[in-house]
């Protein structure tokens, strides 16, 4: 008979979120400049916001039940 010891898994939430935000900002920057050399502030903000939220969606399960 094998006795298994329980081990706890702890995730560093700050590191996960930080990586997702940093990656999203970089991706959003690239997207904002994809078709123009001078995106408007609105285009830039939208591209970065969308990319950050997409990356966060990869590491967070949102409770959308209300």
N, C-alpha and C. Protein backbone atom coordinates (compact mmCIF):
# COMPACT_ATOMS: atom_id res chain seq x y z
N UNK A 1 0.84 -1.17 0.00
CA UNK A 1 0.00 0.00 0.00
C UNK A 1 0.89 1.24 0.00
N UNK A 2 0.57 2.15 -0.90
CA UNK A 2 1.33 3.39 -1.01
C UNK A 2 0.60 4.50 -0.27
N UNK A 3 1.32 5.19 0.56
CA UNK A 3 0.75 6.33 1.27
C UNK A 3 1.17 7.60 0.53
N UNK A 4 0.21 8.38 0.16
CA UNK A 4 0.50 9.63 -0.55
C UNK A 4 0.34 10.80 0.39
N UNK A 5 1.30 11.65 0.37
CA UNK A 5 1.25 12.85 1.18
C UNK A 5 0.60 13.96 0.37
N UNK A 6 -0.32 14.66 0.97
CA UNK A 6 -0.96 15.78 0.29
C UNK A 6 0.00 16.96 0.26
N UNK A 7 0.07 17.57 -0.88
CA UNK A 7 0.88 18.77 -1.01
C UNK A 7 -0.01 19.89 -1.53
N UNK A 8 0.26 21.07 -1.08
CA UNK A 8 -0.53 22.22 -1.50
C UNK A 8 0.17 22.91 -2.67
N UNK A 9 -0.61 23.33 -3.60
CA UNK A 9 -0.11 24.09 -4.74
C UNK A 9 -0.51 25.54 -4.53
N UNK A 10 0.49 26.40 -4.52
CA UNK A 10 0.21 27.82 -4.35
C UNK A 10 0.66 28.54 -5.60
N UNK A 11 -0.23 29.33 -6.14
CA UNK A 11 0.09 30.12 -7.32
C UNK A 11 0.38 31.55 -6.89
N UNK A 12 1.31 32.16 -7.59
CA UNK A 12 1.62 33.56 -7.33
C UNK A 12 0.71 34.39 -8.24
N UNK A 13 -0.44 34.78 -7.70
CA UNK A 13 -1.45 35.50 -8.48
C UNK A 13 -0.89 36.80 -9.02
N UNK A 14 -0.09 37.48 -8.23
CA UNK A 14 0.49 38.75 -8.68
C UNK A 14 1.34 38.53 -9.93
N UNK A 15 2.16 37.50 -9.92
CA UNK A 15 3.04 37.21 -11.06
C UNK A 15 2.21 36.84 -12.29
N UNK A 16 1.17 36.04 -12.11
CA UNK A 16 0.32 35.65 -13.24
C UNK A 16 -0.36 36.86 -13.87
N UNK A 17 -0.94 37.70 -13.03
CA UNK A 17 -1.64 38.88 -13.53
C UNK A 17 -0.64 39.87 -14.13
N UNK A 18 0.48 40.06 -13.47
CA UNK A 18 1.51 40.97 -13.97
C UNK A 18 2.00 40.56 -15.35
N UNK A 19 2.26 39.27 -15.53
CA UNK A 19 2.69 38.77 -16.84
C UNK A 19 1.62 38.97 -17.90
N UNK A 20 0.36 38.73 -17.52
CA UNK A 20 -0.74 38.90 -18.48
C UNK A 20 -0.89 40.37 -18.88
N UNK A 21 -0.77 41.27 -17.92
CA UNK A 21 -0.89 42.70 -18.22
C UNK A 21 0.28 43.15 -19.08
N UNK A 22 1.49 42.77 -18.70
CA UNK A 22 2.67 43.18 -19.47
C UNK A 22 2.59 42.67 -20.91
N UNK A 23 2.23 41.41 -21.06
CA UNK A 23 2.09 40.85 -22.41
C UNK A 23 0.98 41.53 -23.19
N UNK A 24 -0.11 41.87 -22.51
CA UNK A 24 -1.22 42.56 -23.17
C UNK A 24 -0.84 43.95 -23.63
N UNK A 25 -0.07 44.66 -22.82
CA UNK A 25 0.37 46.01 -23.21
C UNK A 25 1.26 45.92 -24.44
N UNK A 26 2.18 44.96 -24.45
CA UNK A 26 3.07 44.81 -25.62
C UNK A 26 2.27 44.46 -26.87
N UNK A 27 1.33 43.53 -26.72
CA UNK A 27 0.51 43.13 -27.86
C UNK A 27 -0.37 44.29 -28.33
N UNK A 28 -0.96 45.01 -27.38
CA UNK A 28 -1.80 46.16 -27.73
C UNK A 28 -1.01 47.23 -28.46
N UNK A 29 0.22 47.47 -28.03
CA UNK A 29 1.10 48.44 -28.70
C UNK A 29 1.30 48.02 -30.15
N UNK A 30 1.61 46.75 -30.35
CA UNK A 30 1.83 46.24 -31.71
C UNK A 30 0.57 46.40 -32.56
N UNK A 31 -0.57 46.07 -31.99
CA UNK A 31 -1.83 46.18 -32.73
C UNK A 31 -2.16 47.63 -33.07
N UNK A 32 -1.90 48.53 -32.15
CA UNK A 32 -2.22 49.94 -32.39
C UNK A 32 -1.42 50.51 -33.56
N UNK A 33 -0.21 50.02 -33.72
CA UNK A 33 0.67 50.52 -34.78
C UNK A 33 0.68 49.62 -36.02
N UNK A 34 -0.23 48.66 -36.06
CA UNK A 34 -0.22 47.69 -37.16
C UNK A 34 -0.50 48.34 -38.52
N UNK A 35 -1.44 49.25 -38.57
CA UNK A 35 -1.84 49.83 -39.85
C UNK A 35 -1.49 51.32 -39.99
N UNK A 36 -0.91 51.89 -38.96
CA UNK A 36 -0.58 53.31 -39.02
C UNK A 36 0.65 53.60 -38.16
N UNK A 37 1.38 54.62 -38.52
CA UNK A 37 2.54 55.03 -37.74
C UNK A 37 2.17 56.00 -36.63
N UNK A 38 0.93 56.49 -36.66
CA UNK A 38 0.50 57.49 -35.70
C UNK A 38 -0.96 57.24 -35.29
N UNK A 39 -1.20 56.20 -34.47
CA UNK A 39 -2.59 55.92 -34.09
C UNK A 39 -3.12 57.00 -33.16
N UNK A 40 -4.41 57.22 -33.23
CA UNK A 40 -5.03 58.19 -32.32
C UNK A 40 -4.98 57.64 -30.89
N UNK A 41 -5.18 58.52 -29.94
CA UNK A 41 -5.18 58.10 -28.53
C UNK A 41 -6.26 57.05 -28.30
N UNK A 42 -7.42 57.24 -28.91
CA UNK A 42 -8.53 56.30 -28.75
C UNK A 42 -8.18 54.92 -29.30
N UNK A 43 -7.59 54.87 -30.49
CA UNK A 43 -7.19 53.59 -31.09
C UNK A 43 -6.15 52.91 -30.22
N UNK A 44 -5.17 53.67 -29.75
CA UNK A 44 -4.12 53.12 -28.90
C UNK A 44 -4.70 52.54 -27.61
N UNK A 45 -5.53 53.32 -26.93
CA UNK A 45 -6.12 52.86 -25.67
C UNK A 45 -6.99 51.63 -25.87
N UNK A 46 -7.77 51.62 -26.94
CA UNK A 46 -8.64 50.47 -27.22
C UNK A 46 -7.82 49.21 -27.50
N UNK A 47 -6.77 49.34 -28.30
CA UNK A 47 -5.94 48.19 -28.63
C UNK A 47 -5.28 47.61 -27.39
N UNK A 48 -4.75 48.48 -26.54
CA UNK A 48 -4.08 48.01 -25.32
C UNK A 48 -5.09 47.40 -24.35
N UNK A 49 -6.21 48.06 -24.16
CA UNK A 49 -7.23 47.54 -23.24
C UNK A 49 -7.71 46.17 -23.68
N UNK A 50 -8.03 46.02 -24.97
CA UNK A 50 -8.51 44.73 -25.47
C UNK A 50 -7.46 43.64 -25.30
N UNK A 51 -6.22 43.93 -25.61
CA UNK A 51 -5.16 42.93 -25.51
C UNK A 51 -4.91 42.53 -24.06
N UNK A 52 -4.94 43.50 -23.14
CA UNK A 52 -4.75 43.19 -21.72
C UNK A 52 -5.90 42.30 -21.23
N UNK A 53 -7.12 42.66 -21.57
CA UNK A 53 -8.27 41.86 -21.13
C UNK A 53 -8.24 40.45 -21.73
N UNK A 54 -7.83 40.33 -22.98
CA UNK A 54 -7.71 39.00 -23.60
C UNK A 54 -6.68 38.16 -22.84
N UNK A 55 -5.55 38.76 -22.49
CA UNK A 55 -4.54 38.01 -21.74
C UNK A 55 -5.02 37.65 -20.34
N UNK A 56 -5.74 38.56 -19.69
CA UNK A 56 -6.27 38.25 -18.37
C UNK A 56 -7.30 37.11 -18.45
N UNK A 57 -8.07 37.08 -19.52
CA UNK A 57 -9.04 36.00 -19.72
C UNK A 57 -8.37 34.63 -19.78
N UNK A 58 -7.11 34.60 -20.14
CA UNK A 58 -6.37 33.34 -20.22
C UNK A 58 -5.99 32.80 -18.83
N UNK A 59 -5.89 33.67 -17.83
CA UNK A 59 -5.44 33.22 -16.51
C UNK A 59 -6.48 33.39 -15.42
N UNK A 60 -7.62 34.04 -15.73
CA UNK A 60 -8.66 34.28 -14.74
C UNK A 60 -9.98 33.75 -15.27
N UNK A 61 -10.71 33.04 -14.40
CA UNK A 61 -12.07 32.63 -14.73
C UNK A 61 -13.00 33.61 -14.04
N UNK A 62 -13.66 34.43 -14.82
CA UNK A 62 -14.53 35.47 -14.30
C UNK A 62 -15.87 34.88 -13.90
N UNK A 63 -16.42 35.29 -12.76
CA UNK A 63 -17.74 34.87 -12.33
C UNK A 63 -18.74 35.82 -12.96
N UNK A 64 -19.40 35.37 -14.03
CA UNK A 64 -20.33 36.23 -14.77
C UNK A 64 -21.78 35.97 -14.42
N UNK A 65 -22.00 35.31 -13.29
CA UNK A 65 -23.37 34.96 -12.91
C UNK A 65 -24.14 36.16 -12.36
N UNK A 66 -23.43 37.21 -12.02
CA UNK A 66 -24.10 38.42 -11.56
C UNK A 66 -24.13 38.50 -10.11
